[in-house]
Amino acid sequence: LCPPGVLPLCCRPPAWDRATRPPPSPPQPPGLPLAPCRSFSNNKIQVELDESSGVATMRFKSPPVNSLSLEFLTEFSISLEKLENNRACRGVIITSALPKIFSSGLDITEMCGKSMEHYTEFWRAVQELWLRLYGSNMVTVAAINGSSPAGGCLVALSCDYRIMAENPKFSIGLNEAQLGIVAPFWFKDTFVNTVGHRIAERSLQLGSLHSATEAHRLGLVDELVPEEKLMEKAAAVMAQWLALPDHARQLTKTMMRKAVLDRLVAHREEDIKNFITFISKESIQKSLRMYMEMLKKRKS
């Protein structure tokens, strides 16, 4: 059971129910306006909801590499909550508006040289994103149109289905170990549930980044498609999932994921303290500063 006073999305009643939702609109005759398509956008996230299909598309638009800053994380969670609360929305396709990058992962600048209060706020926002996405009642499809290391990989892992563009230059994985950082237990749990214990153990220890082909072979992504077919395929997969009764799918998803979600909820404050203790170590701060300097040299 969830701790008193805490009710993550996985434990809430389904956001959509066939018994209460109006029947879908019939196909519109030629010449009539298309069904409404609603959009909302903020600094980092662009969302477009097609009410005729019940499918939203969420695009990351935070140049240069869609890093998961505090602002990005907050906007992501708010956007997801808006879609969850909209009964016209049944599924969301998550992708990037930037070429060649899905998300570079957690923003290093948020974890280097900041106050304890900032670290607390930042890590709570990371937790919130995962709790909302992994526990979402909606069908979630990741259309991975670029590289997706570390936290970007976690976003993809948290979705129900992952489709990646078939490009030898794109890679994906939880590579925190390369930066001297340990992936927290809920990153690990999500990874293990996707690829199995042995593959996850080896990949996490080595901080491996896998090519698209290797990621597909390991089960890290479900399908590979040519880049130009990515969104078309994501829409087709979404239609397949939405053909099922929502209540059965939602309850099954909750049954499969609830234990993993509950584990973080039960240890959320402890997890924040562990992150602050770890990230505040001078050795870790030094590693992060060196990594940032390396990135600066690459840009120059």
Foldseek 3Di string as FASTA:
>chain_A
DFPPPDDFLLRDPQLEAPVPDDDQDDDDDPPDDAQDKDWDDDDFWTKIARLNQLEMEIAGDDPDASACELVNLVVLLVVLVVSSNDNSHAAYEYAYPHAAHGHPYHDLVQLAPDDLVSLLSSVVSLLSSLRCQLSPLHQYEYLYRHAQEARSLSSRLSHPAYEYEQDQRHWYANQVVVLVDQDDPLSLVSVCVQQNDPVSVVCRNRSDIGGPVVCCVSRSHVYYDHSVCRVVVRVVVSVVVVVDRSVVVSVVSSVVCVVSSSVCSVCVVVVSVVSSVVSPDPVSNVSSVVVVVVVVVVVD
